Amino acid sequence: MPMSRISHSAQIVIFRPARHRPARRAGNVTRPDFEAQGHAALRLWWLRLRWRGRLRAELGREPAEVLADFGTTAAALRSYLARPFWRA
């Protein structure tokens, strides 16, 4: 069999290992770690918008027992989500 036929039918498989992310320590979801990392204002605001949007989507309607597992209460979560992104 000629080499040109083999190369046309060969498939290339690229293996990319997953990025290593350090394990996240459990903490209060209304005090995320990125708040204390000294980001520039625009980046910090963007991070807050993303974080609060995710919290709203994931925990917005969870019962009090579930919120307690995440270190917060329904009232504290509502208060945190109602804050403007430019306030910590």
PDB file of N, CA and C in Angstrom:
ATOM      1  N   MET A   1       0.841  -1.178   0.000  1.00  0.00           N
ATOM      2  CA  MET A   1       0.000   0.000   0.000  1.00  0.00           C
ATOM      3  C   MET A   1       0.887   1.243   0.000  1.00  0.00           C
ATOM      4  N   PRO A   2       0.629   2.179  -0.848  1.00  0.00           N
ATOM      5  CA  PRO A   2       1.449   3.394  -0.889  1.00  0.00           C
ATOM      6  C   PRO A   2       1.274   4.223   0.386  1.00  0.00           C
ATOM      7  N   MET A   3       2.308   4.935   0.744  1.00  0.00           N
ATOM      8  CA  MET A   3       2.281   5.757   1.961  1.00  0.00           C
ATOM      9  C   MET A   3       1.237   6.864   1.899  1.00  0.00           C
ATOM     10  N   SER A   4       0.954   7.398   0.733  1.00  0.00           N
ATOM     11  CA  SER A   4      -0.004   8.494   0.644  1.00  0.00           C
ATOM     12  C   SER A   4      -1.397   8.052   1.078  1.00  0.00           C
ATOM     13  N   ARG A   5      -1.775   6.819   0.811  1.00  0.00           N
ATOM     14  CA  ARG A   5      -3.096   6.342   1.244  1.00  0.00           C
ATOM     15  C   ARG A   5      -3.179   6.207   2.755  1.00  0.00           C
ATOM     16  N   ILE A   6      -2.133   5.778   3.348  1.00  0.00           N
ATOM     17  CA  ILE A   6      -2.132   5.616   4.798  1.00  0.00           C
ATOM     18  C   ILE A   6      -2.237   6.977   5.485  1.00  0.00           C
ATOM     19  N   SER A   7      -1.506   7.954   5.014  1.00  0.00           N
ATOM     20  CA  SER A   7      -1.511   9.258   5.669  1.00  0.00           C
ATOM     21  C   SER A   7      -2.855   9.968   5.511  1.00  0.00           C
ATOM     22  N   HIS A   8      -3.574   9.707   4.441  1.00  0.00           N
ATOM     23  CA  HIS A   8      -4.880  10.348   4.268  1.00  0.00           C
ATOM     24  C   HIS A   8      -5.934   9.764   5.190  1.00  0.00           C
ATOM     25  N   SER A   9      -5.808   8.533   5.552  1.00  0.00           N
ATOM     26  CA  SER A   9      -6.820   7.915   6.399  1.00  0.00           C
ATOM     27  C   SER A   9      -6.441   7.949   7.882  1.00  0.00           C
ATOM     28  N   ALA A  10      -5.266   8.429   8.213  1.00  0.00           N
ATOM     29  CA  ALA A  10      -4.837   8.475   9.606  1.00  0.00           C
ATOM     30  C   ALA A  10      -5.544   9.618  10.332  1.00  0.00           C
ATOM     31  N   GLN A  11      -5.858   9.374  11.588  1.00  0.00           N
ATOM     32  CA  GLN A  11      -6.474  10.401  12.411  1.00  0.00           C
ATOM     33  C   GLN A  11      -5.487  10.850  13.474  1.00  0.00           C
ATOM     34  N   ILE A  12      -5.506  12.102  13.762  1.00  0.00           N
ATOM     35  CA  ILE A  12      -4.626  12.641  14.788  1.00  0.00           C
ATOM     36  C   ILE A  12      -5.451  12.862  16.041  1.00  0.00           C
ATOM     37  N   VAL A  13      -4.976  12.333  17.128  1.00  0.00           N
ATOM     38  CA  VAL A  13      -5.647  12.492  18.413  1.00  0.00           C
ATOM     39  C   VAL A  13      -4.729  13.297  19.304  1.00  0.00           C
ATOM     40  N   ILE A  14      -5.251  14.385  19.806  1.00  0.00           N
ATOM     41  CA  ILE A  14      -4.465  15.253  20.684  1.00  0.00           C
ATOM     42  C   ILE A  14      -5.001  15.090  22.092  1.00  0.00           C
ATOM     43  N   PHE A  15      -4.130  14.747  22.992  1.00  0.00           N
ATOM     44  CA  PHE A  15      -4.516  14.598  24.393  1.00  0.00           C
ATOM     45  C   PHE A  15      -4.074  15.841  25.145  1.00  0.00           C
ATOM     46  N   ARG A  16      -5.017  16.495  25.748  1.00  0.00           N
ATOM     47  CA  ARG A  16      -4.700  17.666  26.575  1.00  0.00           C
ATOM     48  C   ARG A  16      -5.130  17.359  27.998  1.00  0.00           C
ATOM     49  N   PRO A  17      -4.189  17.273  28.898  1.00  0.00           N
ATOM     50  CA  PRO A  17      -4.588  17.023  30.285  1.00  0.00           C
ATOM     51  C   PRO A  17      -5.349  18.222  30.845  1.00  0.00           C
ATOM     52  N   ALA A  18      -6.248  17.955  31.745  1.00  0.00           N
ATOM     53  CA  ALA A  18      -7.038  19.024  32.356  1.00  0.00           C
ATOM     54  C   ALA A  18      -6.115  19.951  33.146  1.00  0.00           C
ATOM     55  N   ARG A  19      -6.481  21.207  33.174  1.00  0.00           N
ATOM     56  CA  ARG A  19      -5.697  22.158  33.968  1.00  0.00           C
ATOM     57  C   ARG A  19      -5.811  21.787  35.432  1.00  0.00           C
ATOM     58  N   HIS A  20      -4.707  21.921  36.095  1.00  0.00           N
ATOM     59  CA  HIS A  20      -4.726  21.634  37.528  1.00  0.00           C
ATOM     60  C   HIS A  20      -5.280  22.843  38.263  1.00  0.00           C
ATOM     61  N   ARG A  21      -6.319  22.612  39.007  1.00  0.00           N
ATOM     62  CA  ARG A  21      -6.871  23.670  39.838  1.00  0.00           C
ATOM     63  C   ARG A  21      -6.719  23.247  41.289  1.00  0.00           C
ATOM     64  N   PRO A  22      -6.158  24.102  42.093  1.00  0.00           N
ATOM     65  CA  PRO A  22      -6.015  23.718  43.501  1.00  0.00           C
ATOM     66  C   PRO A  22      -7.381  23.537  44.137  1.00  0.00           C
ATOM     67  N   ALA A  23      -7.437  22.640  45.081  1.00  0.00           N
ATOM     68  CA  ALA A  23      -8.707  22.370  45.774  1.00  0.00           C
ATOM     69  C   ALA A  23      -9.151  23.635  46.489  1.00  0.00           C
ATOM     70  N   ARG A  24     -10.420  23.919  46.365  1.00  0.00           N
ATOM     71  CA  ARG A  24     -10.959  25.119  46.979  1.00  0.00           C
ATOM     72  C   ARG A  24     -11.368  24.819  48.409  1.00  0.00           C
ATOM     73  N   ARG A  25     -10.926  25.635  49.304  1.00  0.00           N
ATOM     74  CA  ARG A  25     -11.297  25.413  50.692  1.00  0.00           C
ATOM     75  C   ARG A  25     -12.728  25.870  50.907  1.00  0.00           C
ATOM     76  N   ALA A  26     -13.388  25.190  51.800  1.00  0.00           N
ATOM     77  CA  ALA A  26     -14.771  25.550  52.092  1.00  0.00           C
ATOM     78  C   ALA A  26     -14.791  26.887  52.830  1.00  0.00           C
ATOM     79  N   GLY A  27     -15.745  27.699  52.495  1.00  0.00           N
ATOM     80  CA  GLY A  27     -15.855  28.993  53.149  1.00  0.00           C
ATOM     81  C   GLY A  27     -17.227  29.582  52.880  1.00  0.00           C
ATOM     82  N   ASN A  28     -17.425  30.770  53.334  1.00  0.00           N
ATOM     83  CA  ASN A  28     -18.689  31.454  53.135  1.00  0.00           C
ATOM     84  C   ASN A  28     -18.768  31.943  51.689  1.00  0.00           C
ATOM     85  N   VAL A  29     -19.851  31.622  51.016  1.00  0.00           N
ATOM     86  CA  VAL A  29     -19.988  31.986  49.607  1.00  0.00           C
ATOM     87  C   VAL A  29     -20.170  33.488  49.405  1.00  0.00           C
ATOM     88  N   THR A  30     -20.503  34.212  50.471  1.00  0.00           N
ATOM     89  CA  THR A  30     -20.642  35.663  50.344  1.00  0.00           C
ATOM     90  C   THR A  30     -19.319  36.381  50.623  1.00  0.00           C
ATOM     91  N   ARG A  31     -18.258  35.621  50.845  1.00  0.00           N
ATOM     92  CA  ARG A  31     -16.909  36.187  51.003  1.00  0.00           C
ATOM     93  C   ARG A  31     -15.942  35.399  50.123  1.00  0.00           C
ATOM     94  N   PRO A  32     -16.034  35.563  48.812  1.00  0.00           N
ATOM     95  CA  PRO A  32     -15.179  34.781  47.913  1.00  0.00           C
ATOM     96  C   PRO A  32     -13.704  35.169  48.045  1.00  0.00           C
ATOM     97  N   ASP A  33     -12.842  34.223  47.708  1.00  0.00           N
ATOM     98  CA  ASP A  33     -11.398  34.416  47.852  1.00  0.00           C
ATOM     99  C   ASP A  33     -10.860  35.545  46.980  1.00  0.00           C
ATOM    100  N   PHE A  34     -11.446  35.765  45.815  1.00  0.00           N
ATOM    101  CA  PHE A  34     -10.885  36.765  44.901  1.00  0.00           C
ATOM    102  C   PHE A  34     -10.995  38.184  45.444  1.00  0.00           C
ATOM    103  N   GLU A  35     -11.845  38.408  46.440  1.00  0.00           N
ATOM    104  CA  GLU A  35     -11.995  39.754  47.010  1.00  0.00           C
ATOM    105  C   GLU A  35     -10.692  40.241  47.654  1.00  0.00           C
ATOM    106  N   ALA A  36      -9.906  39.319  48.188  1.00  0.00           N
ATOM    107  CA  ALA A  36      -8.693  39.706  48.905  1.00  0.00           C
ATOM    108  C   ALA A  36      -7.428  39.551  48.069  1.00  0.00           C
ATOM    109  N   GLN A  37      -7.543  39.291  46.787  1.00  0.00           N
ATOM    110  CA  GLN A  37      -6.365  39.025  45.975  1.00  0.00           C
ATOM    111  C   GLN A  37      -5.787  40.265  45.303  1.00  0.00           C
ATOM    112  N   GLY A  38      -6.366  41.421  45.495  1.00  0.00           N
ATOM    113  CA  GLY A  38      -5.791  42.663  44.984  1.00  0.00           C
ATOM    114  C   GLY A  38      -5.905  42.848  43.477  1.00  0.00           C
ATOM    115  N   HIS A  39      -7.036  42.478  42.894  1.00  0.00           N
ATOM    116  CA  HIS A  39      -7.251  42.671  41.458  1.00  0.00           C
ATOM    117  C   HIS A  39      -7.509  44.148  41.150  1.00  0.00           C
ATOM    118  N   ALA A  40      -7.255  44.533  39.910  1.00  0.00           N
ATOM    119  CA  ALA A  40      -7.603  45.880  39.456  1.00  0.00           C
ATOM    120  C   ALA A  40      -9.121  46.045  39.517  1.00  0.00           C
ATOM    121  N   ALA A  41      -9.586  47.266  39.623  1.00  0.00           N
ATOM    122  CA  ALA A  41     -11.009  47.528  39.848  1.00  0.00           C
ATOM    123  C   ALA A  41     -11.912  46.900  38.795  1.00  0.00           C
ATOM    124  N   LEU A  42     -11.596  47.073  37.518  1.00  0.00           N
ATOM    125  CA  LEU A  42     -12.472  46.530  36.479  1.00  0.00           C
ATOM    126  C   LEU A  42     -12.531  45.005  36.533  1.00  0.00           C
ATOM    127  N   ARG A  43     -11.397  44.366  36.762  1.00  0.00           N
ATOM    128  CA  ARG A  43     -11.381  42.896  36.867  1.00  0.00           C
ATOM    129  C   ARG A  43     -12.162  42.443  38.092  1.00  0.00           C
ATOM    130  N   LEU A  44     -11.992  43.134  39.190  1.00  0.00           N
ATOM    131  CA  LEU A  44     -12.708  42.784  40.409  1.00  0.00           C
ATOM    132  C   LEU A  44     -14.215  42.915  40.198  1.00  0.00           C
ATOM    133  N   TRP A  45     -14.638  43.977  39.548  1.00  0.00           N
ATOM    134  CA  TRP A  45     -16.061  44.158  39.274  1.00  0.00           C
ATOM    135  C   TRP A  45     -16.582  43.038  38.388  1.00  0.00           C
ATOM    136  N   TRP A  46     -15.821  42.661  37.367  1.00  0.00           N
ATOM    137  CA  TRP A  46     -16.234  41.584  36.468  1.00  0.00           C
ATOM    138  C   TRP A  46     -16.339  40.270  37.237  1.00  0.00           C
ATOM    139  N   LEU A  47     -15.361  39.998  38.107  1.00  0.00           N
ATOM    140  CA  LEU A  47     -15.397  38.780  38.914  1.00  0.00           C
ATOM    141  C   LEU A  47     -16.616  38.764  39.828  1.00  0.00           C
ATOM    142  N   ARG A  48     -16.931  39.909  40.432  1.00  0.00           N
ATOM    143  CA  ARG A  48     -18.112  39.988  41.292  1.00  0.00           C
ATOM    144  C   ARG A  48     -19.397  39.736  40.503  1.00  0.00           C
ATOM    145  N   LEU A  49     -19.496  40.328  39.312  1.00  0.00           N
ATOM    146  CA  LEU A  49     -20.689  40.100  38.481  1.00  0.00           C
ATOM    147  C   LEU A  49     -20.868  38.619  38.163  1.00  0.00           C
ATOM    148  N   ARG A  50     -19.788  37.977  37.740  1.00  0.00           N
ATOM    149  CA  ARG A  50     -19.846  36.543  37.423  1.00  0.00           C
ATOM    150  C   ARG A  50     -20.198  35.718  38.642  1.00  0.00           C
ATOM    151  N   TRP A  51     -19.525  35.984  39.771  1.00  0.00           N
ATOM    152  CA  TRP A  51     -19.745  35.210  40.991  1.00  0.00           C
ATOM    153  C   TRP A  51     -21.182  35.352  41.481  1.00  0.00           C
ATOM    154  N   ARG A  52     -21.671  36.578  41.512  1.00  0.00           N
ATOM    155  CA  ARG A  52     -23.037  36.799  42.005  1.00  0.00           C
ATOM    156  C   ARG A  52     -24.070  36.224  41.052  1.00  0.00           C
ATOM    157  N   GLY A  53     -23.813  36.278  39.766  1.00  0.00           N
ATOM    158  CA  GLY A  53     -24.713  35.649  38.801  1.00  0.00           C
ATOM    159  C   GLY A  53     -24.788  34.147  38.980  1.00  0.00           C
ATOM    160  N   ARG A  54     -23.620  33.538  39.217  1.00  0.00           N
ATOM    161  CA  ARG A  54     -23.599  32.086  39.457  1.00  0.00           C
ATOM    162  C   ARG A  54     -24.315  31.727  40.749  1.00  0.00           C
ATOM    163  N   LEU A  55     -24.081  32.502  41.799  1.00  0.00           N
ATOM    164  CA  LEU A  55     -24.766  32.242  43.063  1.00  0.00           C
ATOM    165  C   LEU A  55     -26.276  32.358  42.899  1.00  0.00           C
ATOM    166  N   ARG A  56     -26.699  33.396  42.199  1.00  0.00           N
ATOM    167  CA  ARG A  56     -28.132  33.599  41.980  1.00  0.00           C
ATOM    168  C   ARG A  56     -28.741  32.405  41.239  1.00  0.00           C
ATOM    169  N   ALA A  57     -28.034  31.919  40.226  1.00  0.00           N
ATOM    170  CA  ALA A  57     -28.532  30.798  39.433  1.00  0.00           C
ATOM    171  C   ALA A  57     -28.517  29.486  40.216  1.00  0.00           C
ATOM    172  N   GLU A  58     -27.467  29.266  40.999  1.00  0.00           N
ATOM    173  CA  GLU A  58     -27.299  27.979  41.671  1.00  0.00           C
ATOM    174  C   GLU A  58     -27.967  27.905  43.044  1.00  0.00           C
ATOM    175  N   LEU A  59     -27.897  28.976  43.814  1.00  0.00           N
ATOM    176  CA  LEU A  59     -28.368  28.918  45.197  1.00  0.00           C
ATOM    177  C   LEU A  59     -29.574  29.793  45.480  1.00  0.00           C
ATOM    178  N   GLY A  60     -30.044  30.522  44.498  1.00  0.00           N
ATOM    179  CA  GLY A  60     -31.113  31.495  44.719  1.00  0.00           C
ATOM    180  C   GLY A  60     -32.382  30.942  45.326  1.00  0.00           C
ATOM    181  N   ARG A  61     -32.739  29.706  45.007  1.00  0.00           N
ATOM    182  CA  ARG A  61     -33.991  29.132  45.519  1.00  0.00           C
ATOM    183  C   ARG A  61     -33.780  27.892  46.382  1.00  0.00           C
ATOM    184  N   GLU A  62     -32.600  27.758  46.929  1.00  0.00           N
ATOM    185  CA  GLU A  62     -32.303  26.593  47.766  1.00  0.00           C
ATOM    186  C   GLU A  62     -32.860  26.789  49.172  1.00  0.00           C
ATOM    187  N   PRO A  63     -33.228  25.693  49.847  1.00  0.00           N
ATOM    188  CA  PRO A  63     -33.727  25.802  51.226  1.00  0.00           C
ATOM    189  C   PRO A  63     -32.611  26.215  52.194  1.00  0.00           C
ATOM    190  N   ALA A  64     -33.015  26.631  53.369  1.00  0.00           N
ATOM    191  CA  ALA A  64     -32.080  27.144  54.380  1.00  0.00           C
ATOM    192  C   ALA A  64     -31.022  26.107  54.762  1.00  0.00           C
ATOM    193  N   GLU A  65     -31.387  24.826  54.770  1.00  0.00           N
ATOM    194  CA  GLU A  65     -30.429  23.780  55.145  1.00  0.00           C
ATOM    195  C   GLU A  65     -29.270  23.713  54.149  1.00  0.00           C
ATOM    196  N   VAL A  66     -29.583  23.862  52.884  1.00  0.00           N
ATOM    197  CA  VAL A  66     -28.537  23.829  51.856  1.00  0.00           C
ATOM    198  C   VAL A  66     -27.658  25.057  51.969  1.00  0.00           C
ATOM    199  N   LEU A  67     -28.261  26.215  52.188  1.00  0.00           N
ATOM    200  CA  LEU A  67     -27.476  27.438  52.331  1.00  0.00           C
ATOM    201  C   LEU A  67     -26.572  27.372  53.556  1.00  0.00           C
ATOM    202  N   ALA A  68     -27.036  26.724  54.623  1.00  0.00           N
ATOM    203  CA  ALA A  68     -26.205  26.563  55.820  1.00  0.00           C
ATOM    204  C   ALA A  68     -24.967  25.729  55.507  1.00  0.00           C
ATOM    205  N   ASP A  69     -25.093  24.756  54.620  1.00  0.00           N
ATOM    206  CA  ASP A  69     -23.931  23.961  54.208  1.00  0.00           C
ATOM    207  C   ASP A  69     -22.894  24.823  53.509  1.00  0.00           C
ATOM    208  N   PHE A  70     -23.323  25.889  52.871  1.00  0.00           N
ATOM    209  CA  PHE A  70     -22.418  26.800  52.179  1.00  0.00           C
ATOM    210  C   PHE A  70     -21.994  27.970  53.056  1.00  0.00           C
ATOM    211  N   GLY A  71     -22.394  27.961  54.318  1.00  0.00           N
ATOM    212  CA  GLY A  71     -21.938  28.980  55.258  1.00  0.00           C
ATOM    213  C   GLY A  71     -22.687  30.290  55.194  1.00  0.00           C
ATOM    214  N   THR A  72     -23.942  30.267  54.773  1.00  0.00           N
ATOM    215  CA  THR A  72     -24.706  31.508  54.690  1.00  0.00           C
ATOM    216  C   THR A  72     -26.171  31.239  55.021  1.00  0.00           C
ATOM    217  N   THR A  73     -26.937  32.300  55.080  1.00  0.00           N
ATOM    218  CA  THR A  73     -28.387  32.194  55.300  1.00  0.00           C
ATOM    219  C   THR A  73     -29.094  32.813  54.102  1.00  0.00           C
ATOM    220  N   ALA A  74     -30.390  32.592  54.022  1.00  0.00           N
ATOM    221  CA  ALA A  74     -31.163  33.149  52.909  1.00  0.00           C
ATOM    222  C   ALA A  74     -31.132  34.678  52.934  1.00  0.00           C
ATOM    223  N   ALA A  75     -31.259  35.260  54.111  1.00  0.00           N
ATOM    224  CA  ALA A  75     -31.244  36.729  54.218  1.00  0.00           C
ATOM    225  C   ALA A  75     -29.878  37.298  53.822  1.00  0.00           C
ATOM    226  N   ALA A  76     -28.809  36.667  54.283  1.00  0.00           N
ATOM    227  CA  ALA A  76     -27.464  37.139  53.936  1.00  0.00           C
ATOM    228  C   ALA A  76     -27.202  36.995  52.441  1.00  0.00           C
ATOM    229  N   LEU A  77     -27.684  35.899  51.852  1.00  0.00           N
ATOM    230  CA  LEU A  77     -27.489  35.695  50.414  1.00  0.00           C
ATOM    231  C   LEU A  77     -28.276  36.734  49.607  1.00  0.00           C
ATOM    232  N   ARG A  78     -29.518  36.987  49.999  1.00  0.00           N
ATOM    233  CA  ARG A  78     -30.318  38.009  49.309  1.00  0.00           C
ATOM    234  C   ARG A  78     -29.648  39.375  49.404  1.00  0.00           C
ATOM    235  N   SER A  79     -29.149  39.702  50.581  1.00  0.00           N
ATOM    236  CA  SER A  79     -28.472  40.984  50.783  1.00  0.00           C
ATOM    237  C   SER A  79     -27.219  41.076  49.915  1.00  0.00           C
ATOM    238  N   TYR A  80     -26.444  40.005  49.862  1.00  0.00           N
ATOM    239  CA  TYR A  80     -25.220  39.983  49.064  1.00  0.00           C
ATOM    240  C   TYR A  80     -25.526  40.110  47.576  1.00  0.00           C
ATOM    241  N   LEU A  81     -26.543  39.413  47.107  1.00  0.00           N
ATOM    242  CA  LEU A  81     -26.894  39.456  45.690  1.00  0.00           C
ATOM    243  C   LEU A  81     -27.503  40.790  45.282  1.00  0.00           C
ATOM    244  N   ALA A  82     -28.073  41.516  46.230  1.00  0.00           N
ATOM    245  CA  ALA A  82     -28.691  42.804  45.921  1.00  0.00           C
ATOM    246  C   ALA A  82     -27.670  43.944  45.847  1.00  0.00           C
ATOM    247  N   ARG A  83     -26.458  43.711  46.328  1.00  0.00           N
ATOM    248  CA  ARG A  83     -25.438  44.760  46.300  1.00  0.00           C
ATOM    249  C   ARG A  83     -24.998  45.058  44.876  1.00  0.00           C
ATOM    250  N   PRO A  84     -24.687  46.314  44.601  1.00  0.00           N
ATOM    251  CA  PRO A  84     -24.095  46.640  43.291  1.00  0.00           C
ATOM    252  C   PRO A  84     -22.717  46.012  43.177  1.00  0.00           C
ATOM    253  N   PHE A  85     -22.284  45.724  41.969  1.00  0.00           N
ATOM    254  CA  PHE A  85     -21.020  45.029  41.768  1.00  0.00           C
ATOM    255  C   PHE A  85     -19.805  45.836  42.209  1.00  0.00           C
ATOM    256  N   TRP A  86     -19.941  47.132  42.340  1.00  0.00           N
ATOM    257  CA  TRP A  86     -18.798  47.945  42.734  1.00  0.00           C
ATOM    258  C   TRP A  86     -18.626  47.977  44.252  1.00  0.00           C
ATOM    259  N   ARG A  87     -19.537  47.307  44.988  1.00  0.00           N
ATOM    260  CA  ARG A  87     -19.409  47.227  46.454  1.00  0.00           C
ATOM    261  C   ARG A  87     -19.117  45.802  46.858  1.00  0.00           C
ATOM    262  N   ALA A  88     -18.195  45.652  47.803  1.00  0.00           N
ATOM    263  CA  ALA A  88     -17.779  44.331  48.269  1.00  0.00           C
ATOM    264  C   ALA A  88     -18.807  43.625  49.077  1.00  0.00           C
TER     265      ALA A  88
END
